[in-house]
N, C-alpha and C. Protein backbone atom coordinates (compact mmCIF):
# COMPACT_ATOMS: atom_id res chain seq x y z
N MET A 1 -51.72 -4.66 -10.17
CA MET A 1 -50.29 -4.48 -10.20
C MET A 1 -49.61 -5.49 -11.13
N GLU A 2 -50.15 -6.71 -11.16
CA GLU A 2 -49.56 -7.72 -12.02
C GLU A 2 -49.71 -7.36 -13.49
N SER A 3 -50.84 -6.78 -13.84
CA SER A 3 -51.06 -6.43 -15.24
C SER A 3 -50.11 -5.32 -15.69
N LEU A 4 -49.80 -4.40 -14.79
CA LEU A 4 -48.85 -3.33 -15.13
C LEU A 4 -47.45 -3.91 -15.33
N ALA A 5 -47.06 -4.84 -14.48
CA ALA A 5 -45.75 -5.48 -14.63
C ALA A 5 -45.70 -6.28 -15.93
N LEU A 6 -46.79 -6.95 -16.26
CA LEU A 6 -46.85 -7.70 -17.52
C LEU A 6 -46.74 -6.76 -18.71
N PHE A 7 -47.44 -5.63 -18.66
CA PHE A 7 -47.40 -4.64 -19.74
C PHE A 7 -45.99 -4.09 -19.93
N VAL A 8 -45.33 -3.75 -18.84
CA VAL A 8 -43.96 -3.22 -18.91
C VAL A 8 -43.01 -4.30 -19.44
N GLY A 9 -43.21 -5.53 -19.02
CA GLY A 9 -42.37 -6.63 -19.53
C GLY A 9 -42.53 -6.83 -21.02
N ILE A 10 -43.77 -6.74 -21.51
CA ILE A 10 -44.01 -6.88 -22.95
C ILE A 10 -43.39 -5.72 -23.72
N LEU A 11 -43.50 -4.50 -23.19
CA LEU A 11 -42.88 -3.34 -23.84
C LEU A 11 -41.36 -3.49 -23.92
N LEU A 12 -40.75 -3.94 -22.84
CA LEU A 12 -39.29 -4.12 -22.86
C LEU A 12 -38.88 -5.26 -23.78
N LEU A 13 -39.68 -6.31 -23.85
CA LEU A 13 -39.39 -7.41 -24.77
C LEU A 13 -39.45 -6.94 -26.22
N ILE A 14 -40.46 -6.16 -26.55
CA ILE A 14 -40.57 -5.60 -27.90
C ILE A 14 -39.40 -4.67 -28.18
N LEU A 15 -39.04 -3.87 -27.19
CA LEU A 15 -37.94 -2.93 -27.34
C LEU A 15 -36.64 -3.65 -27.64
N ILE A 16 -36.37 -4.72 -26.91
CA ILE A 16 -35.11 -5.43 -27.06
C ILE A 16 -35.06 -6.27 -28.34
N LEU A 17 -36.17 -6.90 -28.73
CA LEU A 17 -36.15 -7.85 -29.84
C LEU A 17 -36.49 -7.26 -31.20
N SER A 18 -37.05 -6.07 -31.26
CA SER A 18 -37.45 -5.52 -32.56
C SER A 18 -36.24 -5.24 -33.45
N GLY A 19 -35.17 -4.71 -32.90
CA GLY A 19 -33.97 -4.42 -33.69
C GLY A 19 -33.30 -5.67 -34.24
N PRO A 20 -33.01 -6.67 -33.40
CA PRO A 20 -32.40 -7.90 -33.93
C PRO A 20 -33.27 -8.64 -34.93
N PHE A 21 -34.59 -8.66 -34.73
CA PHE A 21 -35.47 -9.30 -35.72
C PHE A 21 -35.43 -8.54 -37.04
N ALA A 22 -35.38 -7.21 -36.98
CA ALA A 22 -35.29 -6.43 -38.22
C ALA A 22 -33.96 -6.69 -38.92
N ILE A 23 -32.89 -6.80 -38.15
CA ILE A 23 -31.59 -7.12 -38.75
C ILE A 23 -31.62 -8.50 -39.38
N ALA A 24 -32.23 -9.46 -38.69
CA ALA A 24 -32.31 -10.83 -39.23
C ALA A 24 -33.10 -10.86 -40.53
N LEU A 25 -34.12 -10.03 -40.65
CA LEU A 25 -34.89 -9.99 -41.89
C LEU A 25 -34.08 -9.45 -43.06
N THR A 26 -33.08 -8.63 -42.79
CA THR A 26 -32.29 -8.08 -43.88
C THR A 26 -31.38 -9.13 -44.51
N PHE A 27 -31.15 -10.25 -43.82
CA PHE A 27 -30.32 -11.31 -44.38
C PHE A 27 -31.09 -12.24 -45.31
N VAL A 28 -32.40 -12.12 -45.35
CA VAL A 28 -33.22 -12.96 -46.21
C VAL A 28 -33.09 -12.47 -47.66
N LYS A 29 -32.66 -13.35 -48.53
CA LYS A 29 -32.50 -12.99 -49.95
C LYS A 29 -33.78 -13.32 -50.70
N THR A 30 -34.27 -12.36 -51.46
CA THR A 30 -35.47 -12.57 -52.25
C THR A 30 -35.20 -12.14 -53.69
N THR A 31 -35.82 -12.85 -54.61
CA THR A 31 -35.72 -12.47 -56.01
C THR A 31 -37.02 -11.88 -56.53
N ASN A 32 -38.11 -12.20 -55.86
CA ASN A 32 -39.41 -11.70 -56.24
C ASN A 32 -39.59 -10.27 -55.73
N ARG A 33 -40.09 -9.39 -56.57
CA ARG A 33 -40.24 -7.98 -56.20
C ARG A 33 -41.25 -7.79 -55.07
N SER A 34 -42.34 -8.54 -55.10
CA SER A 34 -43.35 -8.39 -54.05
C SER A 34 -42.84 -8.91 -52.71
N ALA A 35 -42.04 -9.98 -52.72
CA ALA A 35 -41.46 -10.48 -51.48
C ALA A 35 -40.46 -9.48 -50.89
N THR A 36 -39.74 -8.80 -51.76
CA THR A 36 -38.82 -7.76 -51.30
C THR A 36 -39.58 -6.61 -50.65
N MET A 37 -40.69 -6.23 -51.24
CA MET A 37 -41.48 -5.14 -50.67
C MET A 37 -42.09 -5.53 -49.32
N VAL A 38 -42.52 -6.76 -49.18
CA VAL A 38 -43.07 -7.24 -47.91
C VAL A 38 -41.98 -7.26 -46.85
N ARG A 39 -40.78 -7.74 -47.22
CA ARG A 39 -39.66 -7.75 -46.29
C ARG A 39 -39.31 -6.34 -45.84
N ARG A 40 -39.28 -5.40 -46.78
CA ARG A 40 -38.97 -4.01 -46.42
C ARG A 40 -40.05 -3.41 -45.53
N LEU A 41 -41.29 -3.78 -45.77
CA LEU A 41 -42.39 -3.30 -44.93
C LEU A 41 -42.22 -3.80 -43.49
N PHE A 42 -41.90 -5.09 -43.32
CA PHE A 42 -41.70 -5.64 -41.99
C PHE A 42 -40.48 -5.03 -41.30
N VAL A 43 -39.42 -4.79 -42.04
CA VAL A 43 -38.23 -4.15 -41.46
C VAL A 43 -38.58 -2.74 -40.99
N CYS A 44 -39.34 -2.01 -41.78
CA CYS A 44 -39.73 -0.66 -41.40
C CYS A 44 -40.64 -0.64 -40.18
N ILE A 45 -41.59 -1.58 -40.13
CA ILE A 45 -42.51 -1.64 -38.99
C ILE A 45 -41.75 -1.98 -37.71
N LEU A 46 -40.90 -2.99 -37.77
CA LEU A 46 -40.13 -3.38 -36.58
C LEU A 46 -39.18 -2.27 -36.13
N SER A 47 -38.55 -1.62 -37.09
CA SER A 47 -37.62 -0.54 -36.74
C SER A 47 -38.36 0.66 -36.16
N ALA A 48 -39.48 1.01 -36.74
CA ALA A 48 -40.25 2.13 -36.21
C ALA A 48 -40.77 1.83 -34.81
N LEU A 49 -41.20 0.62 -34.59
CA LEU A 49 -41.67 0.21 -33.27
C LEU A 49 -40.54 0.29 -32.24
N GLY A 50 -39.38 -0.22 -32.60
CA GLY A 50 -38.25 -0.19 -31.69
C GLY A 50 -37.75 1.21 -31.40
N ILE A 51 -37.64 2.03 -32.43
CA ILE A 51 -37.17 3.40 -32.23
C ILE A 51 -38.20 4.21 -31.44
N GLY A 52 -39.47 4.03 -31.74
CA GLY A 52 -40.52 4.76 -31.02
C GLY A 52 -40.55 4.42 -29.54
N LEU A 53 -40.49 3.14 -29.21
CA LEU A 53 -40.47 2.75 -27.80
C LEU A 53 -39.19 3.22 -27.11
N ALA A 54 -38.08 3.18 -27.82
CA ALA A 54 -36.81 3.60 -27.23
C ALA A 54 -36.80 5.09 -26.93
N VAL A 55 -37.32 5.88 -27.85
CA VAL A 55 -37.37 7.33 -27.61
C VAL A 55 -38.31 7.64 -26.45
N MET A 56 -39.45 6.93 -26.40
CA MET A 56 -40.37 7.12 -25.29
C MET A 56 -39.69 6.79 -23.96
N LEU A 57 -38.91 5.72 -23.94
CA LEU A 57 -38.23 5.32 -22.72
C LEU A 57 -37.11 6.29 -22.36
N LEU A 58 -36.41 6.82 -23.35
CA LEU A 58 -35.33 7.77 -23.07
C LEU A 58 -35.85 9.08 -22.48
N LEU A 59 -37.05 9.47 -22.85
CA LEU A 59 -37.60 10.73 -22.36
C LEU A 59 -38.16 10.65 -20.94
N GLN A 60 -38.25 9.45 -20.40
CA GLN A 60 -38.74 9.25 -19.04
C GLN A 60 -37.58 9.34 -18.07
N GLY A 61 -37.88 9.62 -16.83
CA GLY A 61 -36.84 9.66 -15.79
C GLY A 61 -36.62 8.27 -15.23
N ILE A 62 -35.79 7.49 -15.88
CA ILE A 62 -35.59 6.09 -15.49
C ILE A 62 -34.13 5.81 -15.21
N ALA A 63 -33.84 4.59 -14.82
CA ALA A 63 -32.48 4.18 -14.48
C ALA A 63 -31.61 4.06 -15.73
N ILE A 64 -30.32 4.02 -15.52
CA ILE A 64 -29.36 4.00 -16.62
C ILE A 64 -29.44 2.69 -17.41
N GLY A 65 -29.78 1.58 -16.76
CA GLY A 65 -29.88 0.30 -17.46
C GLY A 65 -30.95 0.31 -18.54
N ALA A 66 -32.09 0.88 -18.22
CA ALA A 66 -33.17 0.98 -19.21
C ALA A 66 -32.80 1.94 -20.33
N LYS A 67 -32.07 2.98 -20.01
CA LYS A 67 -31.62 3.91 -21.05
C LYS A 67 -30.62 3.24 -21.98
N LEU A 68 -29.77 2.39 -21.44
CA LEU A 68 -28.83 1.65 -22.29
C LEU A 68 -29.56 0.68 -23.21
N MET A 69 -30.62 0.04 -22.69
CA MET A 69 -31.42 -0.84 -23.55
C MET A 69 -32.08 -0.03 -24.66
N ALA A 70 -32.54 1.16 -24.34
CA ALA A 70 -33.17 2.01 -25.35
C ALA A 70 -32.15 2.44 -26.41
N LEU A 71 -30.94 2.76 -26.00
CA LEU A 71 -29.91 3.13 -26.96
C LEU A 71 -29.53 1.95 -27.85
N PHE A 72 -29.50 0.74 -27.27
CA PHE A 72 -29.25 -0.46 -28.07
C PHE A 72 -30.36 -0.65 -29.11
N ALA A 73 -31.60 -0.43 -28.71
CA ALA A 73 -32.73 -0.60 -29.63
C ALA A 73 -32.65 0.41 -30.77
N ILE A 74 -32.28 1.64 -30.47
CA ILE A 74 -32.15 2.66 -31.52
C ILE A 74 -31.02 2.29 -32.48
N ALA A 75 -29.90 1.85 -31.93
CA ALA A 75 -28.76 1.49 -32.77
C ALA A 75 -29.08 0.29 -33.65
N ALA A 76 -29.70 -0.73 -33.08
CA ALA A 76 -30.02 -1.93 -33.86
C ALA A 76 -31.05 -1.63 -34.94
N SER A 77 -32.06 -0.85 -34.62
CA SER A 77 -33.09 -0.51 -35.60
C SER A 77 -32.53 0.38 -36.70
N GLY A 78 -31.69 1.32 -36.32
CA GLY A 78 -31.05 2.17 -37.32
C GLY A 78 -30.14 1.38 -38.24
N PHE A 79 -29.41 0.42 -37.67
CA PHE A 79 -28.54 -0.43 -38.48
C PHE A 79 -29.35 -1.27 -39.46
N ALA A 80 -30.50 -1.78 -39.00
CA ALA A 80 -31.35 -2.58 -39.87
C ALA A 80 -31.89 -1.72 -41.03
N LEU A 81 -32.30 -0.50 -40.73
CA LEU A 81 -32.78 0.39 -41.81
C LEU A 81 -31.67 0.72 -42.78
N LYS A 82 -30.47 0.99 -42.26
CA LYS A 82 -29.34 1.29 -43.15
C LYS A 82 -29.00 0.10 -44.01
N ARG A 83 -29.01 -1.07 -43.42
CA ARG A 83 -28.68 -2.28 -44.17
C ARG A 83 -29.74 -2.59 -45.24
N GLU A 84 -30.98 -2.31 -44.95
CA GLU A 84 -32.05 -2.63 -45.90
C GLU A 84 -32.10 -1.64 -47.06
N PHE A 85 -31.93 -0.37 -46.80
CA PHE A 85 -32.14 0.63 -47.84
C PHE A 85 -30.86 1.19 -48.44
N ALA A 86 -29.70 0.83 -47.94
CA ALA A 86 -28.44 1.32 -48.50
C ALA A 86 -27.70 0.21 -49.22
N ARG A 87 -28.43 -0.66 -49.87
CA ARG A 87 -27.81 -1.76 -50.61
C ARG A 87 -27.25 -1.27 -51.93
N LYS A 88 -26.25 -1.96 -52.41
CA LYS A 88 -25.63 -1.57 -53.68
C LYS A 88 -26.05 -2.48 -54.78
């Protein structure tokens, strides 16, 4: 039972922190082309992880608090993707 609680805690931690970390990465300024590509790769991985876990959580029959966390994760990850790839 403890391992299941630990697993769920890790999933929720990833869900909550993936969006803000992806947003924080978009504030890093790079001049090197390869560093920019690595940053974009990490933003995409974190955003995909957050959106994937959030959609999985939304499709389950769970409480409203967890659904709100999932919606926050989708919004934060989507904002990070928009900020990274819609630059002028």
